[in-house]
């Protein structure tokens, strides 16, 4: 099943072509990396997926339905630029964000408490957000992203501000969410994270999909980049990224 489909999506800002007839299918229950250099069109693509802005051409569907408010409630979004209300208490903030997506009452409260415990933040539920460290605020932002139990989770640089221990915690959580059938679209500049986490990738350059597919198949297709020592070391995603971006005119 395809969770998210972009069909020849185009977005212009005046004379600037930000996204150029981009097509992409994201299978349900997978982690897909949305990769590309700065200015490639990733942020614009994410904003169209979230229905923040509309494409000039093309079509986007989520679970075989066009984007509307009912479908949008099935998405969770962690933006690169964080947006927490510093003076609110953590528990109140999370209930507020969940309610915006239609999740309220005892079930939503129990889900929030479960996430706070898993993230090691239960003791901070009654504290104001501005009393938390940057890394703790990042974890609160992630909980706000998933508190309403979305089916599609869009993460833009989710590891920013996390120490190595909490980075590993978040990676385990992403694998757990995938095992529960959630679909994750991960935008990151960290190729090693994408390589370890993603089932497939879409590499965007100059607004176009220049490379996409399942990661093992992409590595096989770029076996010329393999390092040959006593054993053959398969090409890294970073090697493939650099080769593809340079080859597509960056």
Protein backbone atom coordinates (compact mmCIF):
# COMPACT_ATOMS: atom_id res chain seq x y z
CA UNK A 1 0.00 0.00 0.00
CA UNK A 2 1.21 3.49 -0.85
CA UNK A 3 0.79 5.86 2.09
CA UNK A 4 1.92 9.05 0.35
CA UNK A 5 1.97 9.76 -3.37
CA UNK A 6 3.24 12.83 -5.22
CA UNK A 7 2.45 12.91 -8.92
CA UNK A 8 4.33 15.42 -11.08
CA UNK A 9 4.15 18.07 -8.34
CA UNK A 10 5.44 21.53 -9.27
CA UNK A 11 5.82 24.73 -7.25
CA UNK A 12 7.05 28.11 -8.47
CA UNK A 13 7.83 31.32 -6.62
CA UNK A 14 7.75 33.94 -9.34
CA UNK A 15 10.38 32.92 -11.86
CA UNK A 16 12.02 30.48 -9.44
CA UNK A 17 11.12 26.83 -9.91
CA UNK A 18 11.35 25.35 -6.40
CA UNK A 19 9.91 21.91 -7.17
CA UNK A 20 9.97 20.60 -10.72
CA UNK A 21 7.47 17.86 -11.64
CA UNK A 22 8.40 15.77 -8.61
CA UNK A 23 6.94 12.28 -8.37
CA UNK A 24 7.35 10.03 -5.35
CA UNK A 25 5.58 7.06 -3.78
CA UNK A 26 6.16 6.31 -0.09
CA UNK A 27 5.09 2.78 0.92
CA UNK A 28 3.10 2.40 4.13
CA UNK A 29 4.98 1.10 7.14
CA UNK A 30 8.41 2.26 5.98
CA UNK A 31 11.01 4.88 6.84
CA UNK A 32 11.83 6.92 3.75
CA UNK A 33 14.62 9.48 3.64
CA UNK A 34 13.97 12.78 1.89
CA UNK A 35 17.49 13.91 1.09
CA UNK A 36 19.17 16.68 -0.85
CA UNK A 37 21.54 19.63 -0.61
CA UNK A 38 20.47 23.00 0.77
CA UNK A 39 18.00 24.71 -1.55
CA UNK A 40 17.08 21.47 -3.30
CA UNK A 41 13.34 21.83 -2.63
CA UNK A 42 12.91 19.57 0.39
CA UNK A 43 11.23 22.15 2.62
CA UNK A 44 8.84 23.25 -0.12
CA UNK A 45 7.99 19.61 -0.79
CA UNK A 46 7.26 19.00 2.89
CA UNK A 47 5.05 22.09 3.08
CA UNK A 48 3.01 20.83 0.13
CA UNK A 49 2.69 17.37 1.69
CA UNK A 50 1.35 19.01 4.86
CA UNK A 51 -1.03 21.19 2.82
CA UNK A 52 0.59 24.35 4.17
CA UNK A 53 1.03 25.51 0.59
CA UNK A 54 -0.63 24.17 -2.54
CA UNK A 55 1.26 22.91 -5.60
CA UNK A 56 0.87 24.85 -8.83
CA UNK A 57 0.64 21.59 -10.74
CA UNK A 58 0.37 17.93 -9.92
CA UNK A 59 -1.44 15.92 -7.28
CA UNK A 60 -0.69 14.74 -3.74
CA UNK A 61 -2.65 11.96 -2.04
CA UNK A 62 -2.41 10.57 1.47
CA UNK A 63 -3.74 7.05 1.90
CA UNK A 64 -5.42 7.33 -1.51
CA UNK A 65 -7.28 10.50 -0.55
CA UNK A 66 -6.64 14.11 -1.53
CA UNK A 67 -5.31 16.35 1.21
CA UNK A 68 -7.99 17.85 3.45
CA UNK A 69 -8.45 18.54 7.15
CA UNK A 70 -9.59 14.99 7.92
CA UNK A 71 -6.54 13.50 6.25
CA UNK A 72 -4.25 16.10 7.84
CA UNK A 73 -5.24 14.81 11.29
CA UNK A 74 -3.50 11.55 10.33
CA UNK A 75 -0.15 13.35 10.00
CA UNK A 76 2.40 14.46 12.56
CA UNK A 77 5.09 17.01 11.75
CA UNK A 78 8.33 17.81 13.53
CA UNK A 79 9.66 21.02 11.91
CA UNK A 80 13.32 21.92 11.69
CA UNK A 81 12.53 25.24 13.37
CA UNK A 82 11.05 24.28 16.71
CA UNK A 83 7.85 25.89 17.93
CA UNK A 84 7.06 25.38 21.62
CA UNK A 85 5.28 27.83 23.90
CA UNK A 86 7.96 28.54 26.49
CA UNK A 87 5.63 29.64 29.31
CA UNK A 88 3.29 26.65 29.13
CA UNK A 89 3.76 23.61 31.32
CA UNK A 90 4.88 20.49 29.48
CA UNK A 91 1.72 18.48 30.14
CA UNK A 92 -0.58 21.35 29.19
CA UNK A 93 1.40 21.99 26.03
CA UNK A 94 1.19 18.38 24.89
CA UNK A 95 -2.55 18.17 25.56
CA UNK A 96 -2.99 21.39 23.58
CA UNK A 97 -1.09 20.09 20.55
CA UNK A 98 -2.94 16.77 20.67
CA UNK A 99 -6.31 18.54 20.82
CA UNK A 100 -5.49 20.51 17.67
CA UNK A 101 -5.31 17.15 15.89
CA UNK A 102 -8.57 15.94 17.45
CA UNK A 103 -7.07 13.80 20.24
CA UNK A 104 -8.58 14.63 23.65
CA UNK A 105 -9.76 12.95 26.82
CA UNK A 106 -8.40 10.07 28.93
CA UNK A 107 -7.02 8.12 25.96
CA UNK A 108 -4.96 11.07 24.74
CA UNK A 109 -3.79 11.83 28.29
CA UNK A 110 -2.68 8.22 28.78
CA UNK A 111 -0.80 8.28 25.48
CA UNK A 112 0.99 11.50 26.46
CA UNK A 113 1.93 10.06 29.86
CA UNK A 114 3.31 6.97 28.13
CA UNK A 115 5.48 9.06 25.84
CA UNK A 116 6.73 11.22 28.72
CA UNK A 117 7.77 8.09 30.59
CA UNK A 118 9.48 6.61 27.56
CA UNK A 119 11.38 9.83 26.96
CA UNK A 120 12.39 10.16 30.62
CA UNK A 121 10.36 13.34 31.09
CA UNK A 122 7.63 12.24 33.51
CA UNK A 123 9.08 14.32 36.34
CA UNK A 124 8.99 17.41 34.11
CA UNK A 125 5.31 17.24 33.20
CA UNK A 126 4.40 20.08 35.58
CA UNK A 127 7.35 22.31 34.67
CA UNK A 128 7.35 25.14 32.18
CA UNK A 129 8.95 24.48 28.83
CA UNK A 130 11.54 27.22 29.33
CA UNK A 131 12.90 25.31 32.36
CA UNK A 132 13.98 22.45 30.10
CA UNK A 133 17.31 22.02 28.35
CA UNK A 134 17.48 22.21 24.55
CA UNK A 135 17.62 18.44 24.26
CA UNK A 136 14.66 17.98 26.59
CA UNK A 137 12.66 20.52 24.60
CA UNK A 138 13.48 18.56 21.47
CA UNK A 139 12.02 15.44 23.07
CA UNK A 140 8.88 17.36 24.05
CA UNK A 141 8.56 18.56 20.45
CA UNK A 142 8.77 14.96 19.25
CA UNK A 143 6.07 13.86 21.69
CA UNK A 144 3.88 16.69 20.39
CA UNK A 145 4.42 15.27 16.90
CA UNK A 146 3.16 11.78 17.77
CA UNK A 147 0.78 12.42 20.70
CA UNK A 148 -2.31 12.09 18.48
CA UNK A 149 -1.07 8.73 17.09
CA UNK A 150 -0.63 9.81 13.44
CA UNK A 151 -0.23 7.35 10.58
CA UNK A 152 2.24 9.54 8.63
CA UNK A 153 5.07 11.13 10.60
CA UNK A 154 7.17 13.81 8.88
CA UNK A 155 10.44 14.57 10.65
CA UNK A 156 12.71 17.44 9.61
CA UNK A 157 16.16 17.09 11.24
CA UNK A 158 14.78 15.28 14.31
CA UNK A 159 18.17 14.63 15.94
CA UNK A 160 19.10 18.29 16.38
CA UNK A 161 20.01 19.01 20.00
CA UNK A 162 20.05 15.37 21.12
CA UNK A 163 23.07 13.80 22.79
CA UNK A 164 24.26 10.35 21.62
CA UNK A 165 22.20 8.49 24.22
CA UNK A 166 18.95 10.22 23.30
CA UNK A 167 19.80 9.93 19.61
CA UNK A 168 19.86 6.15 20.04
CA UNK A 169 16.60 6.30 22.02
CA UNK A 170 14.92 8.17 19.18
CA UNK A 171 16.27 5.75 16.58
CA UNK A 172 14.79 2.84 18.55
CA UNK A 173 11.48 4.69 18.74
CA UNK A 174 11.42 5.20 14.97
CA UNK A 175 12.01 1.49 14.41
CA UNK A 176 9.22 0.73 16.89
CA UNK A 177 6.82 3.10 15.13
CA UNK A 178 7.63 1.44 11.82
CA UNK A 179 6.95 -2.00 13.31
CA UNK A 180 3.52 -0.69 14.34
CA UNK A 181 2.74 0.18 10.73
CA UNK A 182 3.50 3.91 10.89
CA UNK A 183 4.95 5.62 7.83
CA UNK A 184 7.88 7.95 8.44
CA UNK A 185 9.29 10.57 6.08
CA UNK A 186 12.70 11.62 7.39
CA UNK A 187 14.49 14.72 6.14
CA UNK A 188 18.08 14.91 7.33
CA UNK A 189 21.55 16.04 6.33
CA UNK A 190 23.10 13.22 8.37
CA UNK A 191 23.78 10.50 5.82
CA UNK A 192 24.88 7.95 8.41
CA UNK A 193 21.54 8.29 10.20
CA UNK A 194 19.62 7.98 6.94
CA UNK A 195 21.65 4.93 5.97
CA UNK A 196 20.98 3.15 9.26
CA UNK A 197 17.31 4.09 9.52
CA UNK A 198 15.79 4.24 6.06
CA UNK A 199 14.24 1.48 3.99
CA UNK A 200 14.34 3.74 0.95
CA UNK A 201 15.30 7.26 -0.07
CA UNK A 202 14.32 10.07 -2.40
CA UNK A 203 17.19 12.35 -3.33
CA UNK A 204 16.05 15.77 -4.56
CA UNK A 205 18.24 18.21 -6.44
CA UNK A 206 17.04 21.41 -8.11
CA UNK A 207 13.48 20.41 -7.29
CA UNK A 208 13.67 17.09 -9.11
CA UNK A 209 13.73 13.49 -7.95
CA UNK A 210 17.18 12.49 -9.17
CA UNK A 211 17.44 9.19 -7.28
CA UNK A 212 14.88 7.12 -5.42
CA UNK A 213 14.16 3.55 -4.44
CA UNK A 214 14.95 0.94 -1.84
CA UNK A 215 18.33 1.48 -0.23
CA UNK A 216 19.78 -2.01 -0.88
CA UNK A 217 18.92 -1.73 -4.57
CA UNK A 218 20.44 1.76 -4.81
CA UNK A 219 23.65 0.52 -3.21
CA UNK A 220 23.79 -2.39 -5.64
CA UNK A 221 23.32 -0.03 -8.58
CA UNK A 222 26.23 2.10 -7.34
CA UNK A 223 28.59 -0.77 -6.60
CA UNK A 224 31.28 1.04 -8.61
CA UNK A 225 31.77 3.19 -5.50
CA UNK A 226 32.53 0.16 -3.34
CA UNK A 227 35.86 0.16 -1.53
CA UNK A 228 37.84 -2.95 -2.40
CA UNK A 229 40.18 -4.12 0.32
CA UNK A 230 40.55 -7.70 1.54
CA UNK A 231 36.77 -7.69 1.44
CA UNK A 232 34.47 -5.49 -0.60
CA UNK A 233 32.97 -2.67 1.46
CA UNK A 234 29.67 -1.53 -0.03
CA UNK A 235 29.33 2.15 -1.01
CA UNK A 236 28.12 4.51 1.68
CA UNK A 237 24.99 6.58 1.23
CA UNK A 238 27.16 9.67 1.52
CA UNK A 239 29.23 8.52 -1.48
CA UNK A 240 26.06 7.93 -3.50
CA UNK A 241 24.65 11.30 -2.42
CA UNK A 242 27.74 13.21 -3.56
CA UNK A 243 27.99 11.36 -6.87
CA UNK A 244 24.32 11.88 -7.71
CA UNK A 245 24.20 15.55 -6.73
CA UNK A 246 27.33 16.35 -8.72
CA UNK A 247 26.01 14.40 -11.69
CA UNK A 248 22.70 16.27 -11.68
CA UNK A 249 24.29 19.68 -12.00
CA UNK A 250 24.83 20.96 -8.43
